[in-house]
Amino acid sequence: MHSERSTAESRLTICTTCADGQGQALLEAVENEALARDLPLAIHGQACMAACKQSCTAALQGPGKHSYLFGQLQPDDACVDALLDVAAQHAEPGHGLLAWDRRPERLKAGLVARLPPLG
């Protein structure tokens, strides 16, 4: 399953080759929950995001927004909820900065990188 329904300005990309199938399981869980919640979020799978020591990994990107790479994720309800919550925050108008106090607890420790917007 590959979700292309997006009116939001953010894209969530999940590594599909992480941790012997755990990444693919995370992608499917996030896609299913986004559909259940009827969230307009672009969700994509990507083979190897080159953060293998941090697996499972997911990235948030958007035009004119900061990009984030999160690691140490699991295909469980807590991670799925956290990824969908932070993706909604990232899609809000602005530069995509995720305030520490609004970031889901599950994603505070797993931040691998934050990159500034291009331009």
C-alpha atoms as a PDB file:
ATOM      1  CA  MET A   1       0.000   0.000   0.000  1.00  0.00           C
ATOM      2  CA  HIS A   2       1.298   3.421  -0.958  1.00  0.00           C
ATOM      3  CA  SER A   3      -0.542   6.553   0.120  1.00  0.00           C
ATOM      4  CA  GLU A   4      -0.552   9.500  -2.278  1.00  0.00           C
ATOM      5  CA  ARG A   5      -3.535  11.381  -0.796  1.00  0.00           C
ATOM      6  CA  SER A   6      -2.043  14.652   0.268  1.00  0.00           C
ATOM      7  CA  THR A   7      -3.310  18.138   0.738  1.00  0.00           C
ATOM      8  CA  ALA A   8      -0.708  18.752   3.416  1.00  0.00           C
ATOM      9  CA  GLU A   9       2.690  20.300   2.906  1.00  0.00           C
ATOM     10  CA  SER A  10       4.557  17.419   4.531  1.00  0.00           C
ATOM     11  CA  ARG A  11       5.731  14.016   3.471  1.00  0.00           C
ATOM     12  CA  LEU A  12       6.500  11.111   5.784  1.00  0.00           C
ATOM     13  CA  THR A  13       9.024   8.615   4.408  1.00  0.00           C
ATOM     14  CA  ILE A  14       9.685   5.357   6.229  1.00  0.00           C
ATOM     15  CA  CYS A  15      12.631   3.060   5.563  1.00  0.00           C
ATOM     16  CA  THR A  16      11.250  -0.252   4.328  1.00  0.00           C
ATOM     17  CA  THR A  17      14.447  -2.266   4.713  1.00  0.00           C
ATOM     18  CA  CYS A  18      15.147  -1.486   8.374  1.00  0.00           C
ATOM     19  CA  ALA A  19      15.521  -4.255  10.931  1.00  0.00           C
ATOM     20  CA  ASP A  20      14.613  -7.340   8.923  1.00  0.00           C
ATOM     21  CA  GLY A  21      11.118  -6.282   7.921  1.00  0.00           C
ATOM     22  CA  GLN A  22      10.304  -4.060  10.892  1.00  0.00           C
ATOM     23  CA  GLY A  23      10.515  -0.968   8.678  1.00  0.00           C
ATOM     24  CA  GLN A  24       7.993  -2.382   6.219  1.00  0.00           C
ATOM     25  CA  ALA A  25       5.723  -3.300   9.126  1.00  0.00           C
ATOM     26  CA  LEU A  26       6.011   0.270  10.462  1.00  0.00           C
ATOM     27  CA  LEU A  27       5.148   1.705   7.039  1.00  0.00           C
ATOM     28  CA  GLU A  28       2.059  -0.484   6.752  1.00  0.00           C
ATOM     29  CA  ALA A  29       0.925   0.334  10.288  1.00  0.00           C
ATOM     30  CA  VAL A  30       1.309   4.084   9.683  1.00  0.00           C
ATOM     31  CA  GLU A  31      -0.513   3.895   6.348  1.00  0.00           C
ATOM     32  CA  ASN A  32      -3.381   1.908   7.855  1.00  0.00           C
ATOM     33  CA  GLU A  33      -3.790   4.266  10.801  1.00  0.00           C
ATOM     34  CA  ALA A  34      -3.610   7.358   8.555  1.00  0.00           C
ATOM     35  CA  LEU A  35      -6.388   5.870   6.418  1.00  0.00           C
ATOM     36  CA  ALA A  36      -8.450   5.011   9.505  1.00  0.00           C
ATOM     37  CA  ARG A  37      -8.097   8.612  10.718  1.00  0.00           C
ATOM     38  CA  ASP A  38      -8.682   9.997   7.189  1.00  0.00           C
ATOM     39  CA  LEU A  39      -5.491  12.061   7.421  1.00  0.00           C
ATOM     40  CA  PRO A  40      -4.355  13.910   4.285  1.00  0.00           C
ATOM     41  CA  LEU A  41      -0.720  12.887   4.629  1.00  0.00           C
ATOM     42  CA  ALA A  42       1.704  11.800   1.922  1.00  0.00           C
ATOM     43  CA  ILE A  43       3.300   8.571   3.159  1.00  0.00           C
ATOM     44  CA  HIS A  44       6.041   6.817   1.229  1.00  0.00           C
ATOM     45  CA  GLY A  45       8.338   3.864   1.688  1.00  0.00           C
ATOM     46  CA  GLN A  46      12.014   4.082   0.787  1.00  0.00           C
ATOM     47  CA  ALA A  47      14.495   1.246   0.633  1.00  0.00           C
ATOM     48  CA  CYS A  48      17.483   2.033   2.869  1.00  0.00           C
ATOM     49  CA  MET A  49      17.732   5.527   4.249  1.00  0.00           C
ATOM     50  CA  ALA A  50      21.339   4.831   5.346  1.00  0.00           C
ATOM     51  CA  ALA A  51      20.763   5.134   9.080  1.00  0.00           C
ATOM     52  CA  CYS A  52      20.998   1.410   9.778  1.00  0.00           C
ATOM     53  CA  LYS A  53      22.420   1.804  13.288  1.00  0.00           C
ATOM     54  CA  GLN A  54      19.317   3.855  14.162  1.00  0.00           C
ATOM     55  CA  SER A  55      16.711   1.540  12.633  1.00  0.00           C
ATOM     56  CA  CYS A  56      13.826   1.776  12.155  1.00  0.00           C
ATOM     57  CA  THR A  57      13.904   5.249  10.634  1.00  0.00           C
ATOM     58  CA  ALA A  58      11.407   7.775   9.289  1.00  0.00           C
ATOM     59  CA  ALA A  59      11.836  11.223   7.740  1.00  0.00           C
ATOM     60  CA  LEU A  60       9.607  14.284   7.568  1.00  0.00           C
ATOM     61  CA  GLN A  61      10.093  16.697   4.677  1.00  0.00           C
ATOM     62  CA  GLY A  62       8.199  19.529   3.045  1.00  0.00           C
ATOM     63  CA  PRO A  63       8.799  22.458   0.703  1.00  0.00           C
ATOM     64  CA  GLY A  64      10.373  25.330   2.637  1.00  0.00           C
ATOM     65  CA  LYS A  65      10.359  23.300   5.856  1.00  0.00           C
ATOM     66  CA  HIS A  66      13.000  21.825   8.123  1.00  0.00           C
ATOM     67  CA  SER A  67      13.532  18.107   7.495  1.00  0.00           C
ATOM     68  CA  TYR A  68      13.746  15.588  10.310  1.00  0.00           C
ATOM     69  CA  LEU A  69      15.099  12.053  10.516  1.00  0.00           C
ATOM     70  CA  PHE A  70      13.906   9.959  13.445  1.00  0.00           C
ATOM     71  CA  GLY A  71      15.395   6.619  14.432  1.00  0.00           C
ATOM     72  CA  GLN A  72      15.006   3.824  16.958  1.00  0.00           C
ATOM     73  CA  LEU A  73      11.354   3.343  15.986  1.00  0.00           C
ATOM     74  CA  GLN A  74       9.242   0.214  16.328  1.00  0.00           C
ATOM     75  CA  PRO A  75       6.125  -0.891  14.437  1.00  0.00           C
ATOM     76  CA  ASP A  76       3.977  -0.419  17.543  1.00  0.00           C
ATOM     77  CA  ASP A  77       1.015   1.803  18.410  1.00  0.00           C
ATOM     78  CA  ALA A  78       3.155   4.321  20.300  1.00  0.00           C
ATOM     79  CA  CYS A  79       5.429   4.971  17.315  1.00  0.00           C
ATOM     80  CA  VAL A  80       2.554   5.047  14.840  1.00  0.00           C
ATOM     81  CA  ASP A  81       0.691   7.619  16.951  1.00  0.00           C
ATOM     82  CA  ALA A  82       3.849   9.668  17.490  1.00  0.00           C
ATOM     83  CA  LEU A  83       4.706   9.745  13.775  1.00  0.00           C
ATOM     84  CA  LEU A  84       1.193  10.783  12.783  1.00  0.00           C
ATOM     85  CA  ASP A  85       1.074  13.447  15.504  1.00  0.00           C
ATOM     86  CA  VAL A  86       4.425  14.953  14.555  1.00  0.00           C
ATOM     87  CA  ALA A  87       3.545  14.825  10.841  1.00  0.00           C
ATOM     88  CA  ALA A  88       0.419  16.879  11.571  1.00  0.00           C
ATOM     89  CA  GLN A  89       2.552  19.432  13.435  1.00  0.00           C
ATOM     90  CA  HIS A  90       5.061  19.539  10.577  1.00  0.00           C
ATOM     91  CA  ALA A  91       2.261  20.191   8.060  1.00  0.00           C
ATOM     92  CA  GLU A  92       1.125  23.319   9.912  1.00  0.00           C
ATOM     93  CA  PRO A  93       1.961  26.639   8.236  1.00  0.00           C
ATOM     94  CA  GLY A  94       5.515  27.790   8.856  1.00  0.00           C
ATOM     95  CA  HIS A  95       9.018  26.425   8.535  1.00  0.00           C
ATOM     96  CA  GLY A  96       8.291  23.009   9.990  1.00  0.00           C
ATOM     97  CA  LEU A  97      10.174  23.498  13.240  1.00  0.00           C
ATOM     98  CA  LEU A  98       8.944  20.941  15.751  1.00  0.00           C
ATOM     99  CA  ALA A  99       8.831  22.495  19.193  1.00  0.00           C
ATOM    100  CA  TRP A 100      10.373  20.228  21.822  1.00  0.00           C
ATOM    101  CA  ASP A 101       7.434  20.601  24.206  1.00  0.00           C
ATOM    102  CA  ARG A 102       4.914  19.646  21.486  1.00  0.00           C
ATOM    103  CA  ARG A 103       6.934  16.728  20.130  1.00  0.00           C
ATOM    104  CA  PRO A 104       5.547  13.315  21.102  1.00  0.00           C
ATOM    105  CA  GLU A 105       7.567  11.812  23.952  1.00  0.00           C
ATOM    106  CA  ARG A 106       8.410   8.768  21.827  1.00  0.00           C
ATOM    107  CA  LEU A 107      10.238  10.973  19.282  1.00  0.00           C
ATOM    108  CA  LYS A 108      12.299  13.115  21.655  1.00  0.00           C
ATOM    109  CA  ALA A 109      15.077  10.556  22.125  1.00  0.00           C
ATOM    110  CA  GLY A 110      15.170   9.200  18.575  1.00  0.00           C
ATOM    111  CA  LEU A 111      16.022  12.351  16.650  1.00  0.00           C
ATOM    112  CA  VAL A 112      18.918  11.584  14.280  1.00  0.00           C
ATOM    113  CA  ALA A 113      19.017  14.853  12.331  1.00  0.00           C
ATOM    114  CA  ARG A 114      17.250  18.138  11.622  1.00  0.00           C
ATOM    115  CA  LEU A 115      18.145  19.864   8.375  1.00  0.00           C
ATOM    116  CA  PRO A 116      17.258  23.454   7.494  1.00  0.00           C
ATOM    117  CA  PRO A 117      15.024  24.223   4.532  1.00  0.00           C
ATOM    118  CA  LEU A 118      16.626  24.861   1.169  1.00  0.00           C
ATOM    119  CA  GLY A 119      16.676  28.419  -0.014  1.00  0.00           C
END
